N, C-alpha and C. Protein backbone atom coordinates (compact mmCIF):
# COMPACT_ATOMS: atom_id res chain seq x y z
N MET A 1 35.51 45.20 81.54
CA MET A 1 34.09 45.00 81.70
C MET A 1 33.64 44.02 80.58
N ALA A 2 32.89 43.01 80.99
CA ALA A 2 32.38 42.09 80.04
C ALA A 2 31.29 42.65 79.20
N LYS A 3 31.29 42.43 77.88
CA LYS A 3 30.36 42.99 76.96
C LYS A 3 29.15 42.02 76.76
N THR A 4 28.04 42.48 76.84
CA THR A 4 26.80 41.79 76.51
C THR A 4 26.48 41.90 75.09
N GLN A 5 26.28 40.77 74.39
CA GLN A 5 26.05 40.77 72.98
C GLN A 5 24.85 39.85 72.63
N LYS A 6 23.88 40.39 72.01
CA LYS A 6 22.69 39.65 71.60
C LYS A 6 22.31 40.13 70.20
N SER A 7 21.58 39.32 69.49
CA SER A 7 21.05 39.72 68.12
C SER A 7 19.90 40.66 68.41
N GLU A 8 19.55 41.44 67.37
CA GLU A 8 18.41 42.29 67.48
C GLU A 8 17.14 41.54 67.79
N ALA A 9 16.97 40.38 67.23
CA ALA A 9 15.83 39.47 67.46
C ALA A 9 15.75 39.09 68.96
N ASP A 10 16.91 38.78 69.54
CA ASP A 10 16.94 38.50 71.00
C ASP A 10 16.62 39.69 71.82
N TRP A 11 17.16 40.82 71.54
CA TRP A 11 16.74 42.02 72.26
C TRP A 11 15.25 42.33 72.15
N GLN A 12 14.71 42.14 70.98
CA GLN A 12 13.29 42.39 70.79
C GLN A 12 12.45 41.40 71.57
N ARG A 13 12.88 40.15 71.71
CA ARG A 13 12.21 39.20 72.51
C ARG A 13 12.27 39.53 73.95
N ASP A 14 13.45 39.93 74.43
CA ASP A 14 13.67 40.13 75.87
C ASP A 14 13.23 41.46 76.47
N LEU A 15 12.97 42.44 75.62
CA LEU A 15 12.59 43.78 76.11
C LEU A 15 11.14 44.11 75.73
N SER A 16 10.59 44.96 76.57
CA SER A 16 9.19 45.45 76.19
C SER A 16 9.33 46.29 74.91
N PRO A 17 8.27 46.50 74.19
CA PRO A 17 8.32 47.35 72.95
C PRO A 17 8.91 48.71 73.22
N GLU A 18 8.54 49.39 74.35
CA GLU A 18 9.02 50.64 74.66
C GLU A 18 10.56 50.58 74.98
N GLN A 19 10.99 49.62 75.74
CA GLN A 19 12.41 49.40 76.05
C GLN A 19 13.23 49.20 74.76
N PHE A 20 12.64 48.37 73.84
CA PHE A 20 13.36 48.09 72.61
C PHE A 20 13.50 49.42 71.75
N TYR A 21 12.41 50.18 71.74
CA TYR A 21 12.41 51.47 70.98
C TYR A 21 13.45 52.41 71.54
N VAL A 22 13.50 52.58 72.78
CA VAL A 22 14.41 53.55 73.45
C VAL A 22 15.84 53.01 73.44
N CYS A 23 15.96 51.83 73.93
CA CYS A 23 17.37 51.28 74.21
C CYS A 23 18.12 50.75 72.97
N ARG A 24 17.34 50.19 72.03
CA ARG A 24 18.01 49.58 70.89
C ARG A 24 17.85 50.40 69.61
N GLN A 25 16.79 51.36 69.53
CA GLN A 25 16.59 52.10 68.38
C GLN A 25 16.77 53.50 68.67
N LYS A 26 17.30 53.91 69.83
CA LYS A 26 17.70 55.25 70.25
C LYS A 26 16.49 56.22 70.26
N GLY A 27 15.41 55.72 70.78
CA GLY A 27 14.21 56.56 70.95
C GLY A 27 14.25 57.32 72.24
N THR A 28 13.25 58.06 72.49
CA THR A 28 13.08 58.92 73.73
C THR A 28 11.64 58.78 74.24
N GLU A 29 11.57 58.53 75.60
CA GLU A 29 10.23 58.53 76.20
C GLU A 29 9.81 59.98 76.39
N ARG A 30 8.48 60.23 76.53
CA ARG A 30 7.94 61.52 76.80
C ARG A 30 8.36 62.04 78.14
N ALA A 31 8.69 63.27 78.25
CA ALA A 31 9.07 63.95 79.48
C ALA A 31 7.94 63.68 80.53
N PHE A 32 8.31 63.59 81.79
CA PHE A 32 7.32 63.42 82.88
C PHE A 32 6.46 62.16 82.82
N SER A 33 6.87 61.20 81.96
CA SER A 33 6.08 60.00 81.80
C SER A 33 6.81 58.73 82.34
N GLY A 34 8.06 58.79 82.61
CA GLY A 34 8.81 57.59 83.01
C GLY A 34 8.68 57.32 84.50
N ALA A 35 8.98 56.15 84.90
CA ALA A 35 8.89 55.67 86.29
C ALA A 35 9.81 56.36 87.27
N PHE A 36 10.93 56.86 86.79
CA PHE A 36 11.94 57.35 87.71
C PHE A 36 12.24 58.86 87.67
N TRP A 37 11.53 59.63 86.86
CA TRP A 37 11.82 61.02 86.75
C TRP A 37 11.75 61.78 88.09
N ASN A 38 10.86 61.33 88.95
CA ASN A 38 10.66 62.04 90.24
C ASN A 38 10.89 61.13 91.47
N THR A 39 11.54 59.97 91.22
CA THR A 39 11.80 59.09 92.27
C THR A 39 12.87 59.57 93.25
N LYS A 40 12.67 59.46 94.55
CA LYS A 40 13.62 59.83 95.53
C LYS A 40 14.15 58.61 96.24
N ASP A 41 13.82 57.39 95.85
CA ASP A 41 14.30 56.18 96.54
C ASP A 41 15.80 56.04 96.38
N LYS A 42 16.41 55.53 97.43
CA LYS A 42 17.85 55.31 97.46
C LYS A 42 18.09 53.96 96.82
N GLY A 43 19.30 53.88 96.12
CA GLY A 43 19.63 52.63 95.58
C GLY A 43 20.58 52.79 94.35
N VAL A 44 20.63 51.69 93.57
CA VAL A 44 21.48 51.75 92.40
C VAL A 44 20.58 51.60 91.13
N TYR A 45 20.89 52.44 90.19
CA TYR A 45 20.14 52.36 88.81
C TYR A 45 21.03 51.47 87.94
N ARG A 46 20.37 50.40 87.45
CA ARG A 46 20.99 49.50 86.53
C ARG A 46 20.40 49.54 85.14
N CYS A 47 21.16 49.00 84.18
CA CYS A 47 20.75 49.01 82.80
C CYS A 47 19.55 48.03 82.71
N ALA A 48 18.48 48.41 82.10
CA ALA A 48 17.30 47.61 81.88
C ALA A 48 17.61 46.42 80.95
N CYS A 49 18.62 46.59 80.16
CA CYS A 49 18.91 45.51 79.15
C CYS A 49 19.93 44.45 79.71
N CYS A 50 20.92 44.91 80.40
CA CYS A 50 21.97 43.89 80.85
C CYS A 50 22.27 43.93 82.34
N ASN A 51 21.58 44.73 83.06
CA ASN A 51 21.75 44.80 84.55
C ASN A 51 23.07 45.41 85.03
N ALA A 52 23.81 46.04 84.10
CA ALA A 52 25.03 46.70 84.54
C ALA A 52 24.73 47.92 85.52
N GLU A 53 25.58 48.11 86.52
CA GLU A 53 25.41 49.26 87.38
C GLU A 53 25.74 50.55 86.64
N LEU A 54 24.77 51.52 86.50
CA LEU A 54 25.02 52.72 85.77
C LEU A 54 25.13 53.96 86.66
N PHE A 55 24.17 54.16 87.60
CA PHE A 55 24.16 55.34 88.41
C PHE A 55 23.78 55.02 89.81
N LYS A 56 24.18 55.85 90.74
CA LYS A 56 23.76 55.71 92.15
C LYS A 56 22.80 56.86 92.47
N SER A 57 21.84 56.56 93.41
CA SER A 57 20.86 57.54 93.69
C SER A 57 21.42 58.82 94.28
N ASP A 58 22.63 58.73 94.91
CA ASP A 58 23.18 59.96 95.52
C ASP A 58 23.72 60.92 94.46
N ALA A 59 23.74 60.56 93.18
CA ALA A 59 24.17 61.42 92.15
C ALA A 59 22.91 61.90 91.28
N LYS A 60 21.71 61.51 91.80
CA LYS A 60 20.50 61.91 91.10
C LYS A 60 20.08 63.30 91.60
N PHE A 61 19.55 64.17 90.69
CA PHE A 61 19.06 65.47 91.10
C PHE A 61 17.84 65.82 90.31
N ASP A 62 17.04 66.81 90.78
CA ASP A 62 15.91 67.25 90.08
C ASP A 62 16.30 68.33 89.12
N SER A 63 16.31 67.98 87.81
CA SER A 63 16.72 68.90 86.77
C SER A 63 15.57 69.77 86.24
N GLY A 64 14.29 69.30 86.60
CA GLY A 64 13.16 69.98 86.11
C GLY A 64 12.76 69.66 84.66
N THR A 65 13.47 68.75 84.05
CA THR A 65 13.32 68.36 82.68
C THR A 65 12.28 67.25 82.43
N GLY A 66 11.87 66.51 83.49
CA GLY A 66 10.94 65.42 83.27
C GLY A 66 11.58 64.01 83.03
N TRP A 67 12.93 64.01 83.11
CA TRP A 67 13.68 62.78 82.97
C TRP A 67 14.60 62.58 84.14
N PRO A 68 14.90 61.42 84.53
CA PRO A 68 15.87 61.23 85.64
C PRO A 68 17.18 61.83 85.21
N SER A 69 17.81 62.65 86.10
CA SER A 69 19.11 63.30 85.79
C SER A 69 20.09 62.97 86.88
N PHE A 70 21.33 62.72 86.50
CA PHE A 70 22.42 62.37 87.36
C PHE A 70 23.60 63.28 87.01
N PHE A 71 24.42 63.60 88.00
CA PHE A 71 25.62 64.44 87.72
C PHE A 71 26.81 63.58 87.39
N ALA A 72 26.77 62.28 87.61
CA ALA A 72 27.90 61.39 87.37
C ALA A 72 27.44 59.92 87.23
N PRO A 73 28.08 59.12 86.51
CA PRO A 73 27.83 57.65 86.48
C PRO A 73 28.38 57.02 87.77
N ALA A 74 27.90 55.80 88.02
CA ALA A 74 28.39 55.06 89.19
C ALA A 74 29.88 54.84 89.15
N ALA A 75 30.45 54.55 88.02
CA ALA A 75 31.89 54.37 87.82
C ALA A 75 32.33 55.05 86.54
N LYS A 76 33.59 55.37 86.44
CA LYS A 76 34.03 56.10 85.21
C LYS A 76 33.72 55.33 83.94
N ASP A 77 33.78 53.97 83.96
CA ASP A 77 33.57 53.22 82.79
C ASP A 77 32.18 52.56 82.65
N SER A 78 31.21 53.07 83.54
CA SER A 78 29.85 52.55 83.39
C SER A 78 29.08 53.02 82.20
N VAL A 79 29.32 54.30 81.83
CA VAL A 79 28.55 54.94 80.78
C VAL A 79 29.51 55.42 79.70
N ALA A 80 29.25 55.07 78.43
CA ALA A 80 30.04 55.52 77.35
C ALA A 80 29.34 56.76 76.69
N THR A 81 30.13 57.56 76.04
CA THR A 81 29.51 58.73 75.39
C THR A 81 30.04 58.80 73.94
N GLU A 82 29.19 59.32 73.06
CA GLU A 82 29.63 59.54 71.66
C GLU A 82 28.81 60.66 71.12
N LYS A 83 29.33 61.28 70.03
CA LYS A 83 28.64 62.40 69.39
C LYS A 83 27.38 61.92 68.72
N ASP A 84 26.32 62.62 68.84
CA ASP A 84 25.02 62.32 68.25
C ASP A 84 24.58 63.51 67.39
N LYS A 85 24.47 63.30 66.03
CA LYS A 85 24.14 64.33 65.11
C LYS A 85 22.71 64.13 64.57
N SER A 86 21.88 63.42 65.27
CA SER A 86 20.57 63.13 64.74
C SER A 86 19.65 64.43 65.04
N HIS A 87 18.52 64.36 64.33
CA HIS A 87 17.48 65.37 64.55
C HIS A 87 18.00 66.83 64.38
N GLY A 88 19.03 67.08 63.52
CA GLY A 88 19.46 68.40 63.19
C GLY A 88 20.19 69.04 64.43
N MET A 89 20.67 68.26 65.33
CA MET A 89 21.29 68.80 66.54
C MET A 89 22.70 68.09 66.70
N VAL A 90 23.56 68.59 67.47
CA VAL A 90 24.78 67.95 67.82
C VAL A 90 24.71 67.81 69.43
N ARG A 91 24.61 66.61 69.85
CA ARG A 91 24.52 66.31 71.32
C ARG A 91 25.53 65.16 71.62
N THR A 92 25.59 64.90 72.93
CA THR A 92 26.44 63.78 73.38
C THR A 92 25.47 62.68 73.90
N GLU A 93 25.54 61.59 73.19
CA GLU A 93 24.67 60.42 73.61
C GLU A 93 25.34 59.69 74.73
N ALA A 94 24.59 59.17 75.65
CA ALA A 94 25.02 58.27 76.69
C ALA A 94 24.48 56.88 76.42
N THR A 95 25.47 55.91 76.51
CA THR A 95 25.11 54.47 76.27
C THR A 95 25.65 53.64 77.43
N CYS A 96 25.08 52.47 77.61
CA CYS A 96 25.57 51.54 78.53
C CYS A 96 26.96 50.95 77.99
N SER A 97 27.99 51.00 78.73
CA SER A 97 29.28 50.52 78.29
C SER A 97 29.29 49.03 78.09
N SER A 98 28.39 48.35 78.83
CA SER A 98 28.36 46.89 78.72
C SER A 98 27.65 46.33 77.56
N CYS A 99 26.42 46.90 77.17
CA CYS A 99 25.61 46.34 76.11
C CYS A 99 25.33 47.35 75.00
N GLY A 100 25.74 48.64 75.11
CA GLY A 100 25.51 49.62 74.10
C GLY A 100 24.13 50.16 74.09
N ALA A 101 23.33 49.92 75.08
CA ALA A 101 21.95 50.46 75.12
C ALA A 101 21.97 51.97 75.14
N HIS A 102 21.08 52.59 74.34
CA HIS A 102 20.90 54.02 74.43
C HIS A 102 20.22 54.37 75.65
N LEU A 103 20.89 55.28 76.48
CA LEU A 103 20.38 55.68 77.81
C LEU A 103 19.70 57.09 77.71
N GLY A 104 20.32 57.96 77.01
CA GLY A 104 19.84 59.31 76.89
C GLY A 104 21.02 60.19 76.39
N HIS A 105 21.06 61.37 76.99
CA HIS A 105 22.12 62.39 76.50
C HIS A 105 22.82 63.05 77.72
N VAL A 106 23.98 63.61 77.45
CA VAL A 106 24.72 64.30 78.53
C VAL A 106 24.83 65.85 78.11
N PHE A 107 24.53 66.71 79.08
CA PHE A 107 24.53 68.12 78.76
C PHE A 107 25.44 68.80 79.80
N PRO A 108 26.07 69.92 79.40
CA PRO A 108 27.07 70.60 80.35
C PRO A 108 26.38 71.65 81.24
N ASP A 109 25.15 71.33 81.71
CA ASP A 109 24.43 72.28 82.55
C ASP A 109 24.00 71.68 83.89
N GLY A 110 24.76 70.72 84.41
CA GLY A 110 24.48 70.09 85.61
C GLY A 110 25.13 70.75 86.83
N PRO A 111 24.82 70.26 88.05
CA PRO A 111 25.34 70.83 89.22
C PRO A 111 26.80 70.41 89.54
N ALA A 112 27.36 70.98 90.55
CA ALA A 112 28.66 70.55 91.04
C ALA A 112 28.43 69.11 91.59
N PRO A 113 29.50 68.32 91.57
CA PRO A 113 30.88 68.64 91.31
C PRO A 113 31.31 68.49 89.88
N THR A 114 30.45 67.95 88.97
CA THR A 114 30.86 67.67 87.61
C THR A 114 30.45 68.72 86.60
N GLY A 115 29.32 69.43 86.92
CA GLY A 115 28.75 70.32 85.93
C GLY A 115 28.01 69.60 84.77
N LEU A 116 27.88 68.30 84.91
CA LEU A 116 27.18 67.58 83.88
C LEU A 116 25.82 67.14 84.29
N ARG A 117 24.97 66.95 83.28
CA ARG A 117 23.57 66.42 83.47
C ARG A 117 23.40 65.25 82.52
N PHE A 118 23.44 64.03 83.11
CA PHE A 118 23.12 62.85 82.34
C PHE A 118 21.57 62.71 82.39
N CYS A 119 21.03 63.09 81.29
CA CYS A 119 19.55 63.10 81.15
C CYS A 119 19.11 61.72 80.52
N ILE A 120 18.54 60.86 81.41
CA ILE A 120 18.43 59.44 81.06
C ILE A 120 16.91 59.04 80.95
N ASN A 121 16.56 58.23 80.01
CA ASN A 121 15.19 57.72 79.90
C ASN A 121 14.92 56.65 81.00
N SER A 122 13.89 56.80 81.71
CA SER A 122 13.52 55.86 82.82
C SER A 122 13.43 54.43 82.33
N VAL A 123 12.88 54.27 81.13
CA VAL A 123 12.72 52.90 80.55
C VAL A 123 14.02 52.17 80.31
N SER A 124 15.10 52.90 80.19
CA SER A 124 16.42 52.26 80.09
C SER A 124 17.01 51.80 81.42
N LEU A 125 16.35 52.05 82.52
CA LEU A 125 16.90 51.85 83.82
C LEU A 125 15.97 50.88 84.64
N LYS A 126 16.56 50.24 85.58
CA LYS A 126 15.82 49.57 86.67
C LYS A 126 16.48 49.94 87.96
N LEU A 127 15.68 50.13 89.00
CA LEU A 127 16.20 50.58 90.27
C LEU A 127 16.28 49.45 91.29
N GLU A 128 17.51 49.19 91.68
CA GLU A 128 17.74 48.19 92.78
C GLU A 128 17.69 49.05 94.06
N LYS A 129 16.57 48.97 94.79
CA LYS A 129 16.43 49.83 96.04
C LYS A 129 17.33 49.37 97.06
N GLU A 130 17.78 50.34 97.80
CA GLU A 130 18.63 50.14 98.92
C GLU A 130 17.80 49.49 100.05
N THR A 131 18.23 48.49 100.66
CA THR A 131 17.46 47.83 101.73
C THR A 131 17.86 48.42 103.10
N THR A 132 16.91 48.70 103.92
CA THR A 132 17.08 49.21 105.29
C THR A 132 17.23 48.09 106.25
N ARG A 133 18.15 48.26 107.20
CA ARG A 133 18.28 47.24 108.21
C ARG A 133 17.47 47.65 109.43
N GLY A 134 16.82 46.78 110.03
CA GLY A 134 16.02 47.22 111.14
C GLY A 134 15.76 46.12 112.02
């Protein structure tokens, strides 16, 4: 997978202030405030920073948390994970494998078939809606 590399100044220029805060500074949007927490549209969720394919809508589920949640990434190497010891907690951070953008966190309380919940900030995503043929 090709890696997207930019300077912090370039990221700040290319992203909205909220996207920069969440994706590049590992922030979190407020629960129930993002564009995709309750979206049922079919399609592919891409990285807001580099357009890499991250999740498919058929892996999205309602976790009740107020953030978009997925039980699996679109491909095994789409999303990277690493230990996050910030805020006095130990969690698993989810990042875009292509550009390193902070996406959210992964928890072991999701549905079958994986048992995982990728809890993702809406602002780190963009939805490429599935087109219907008619």
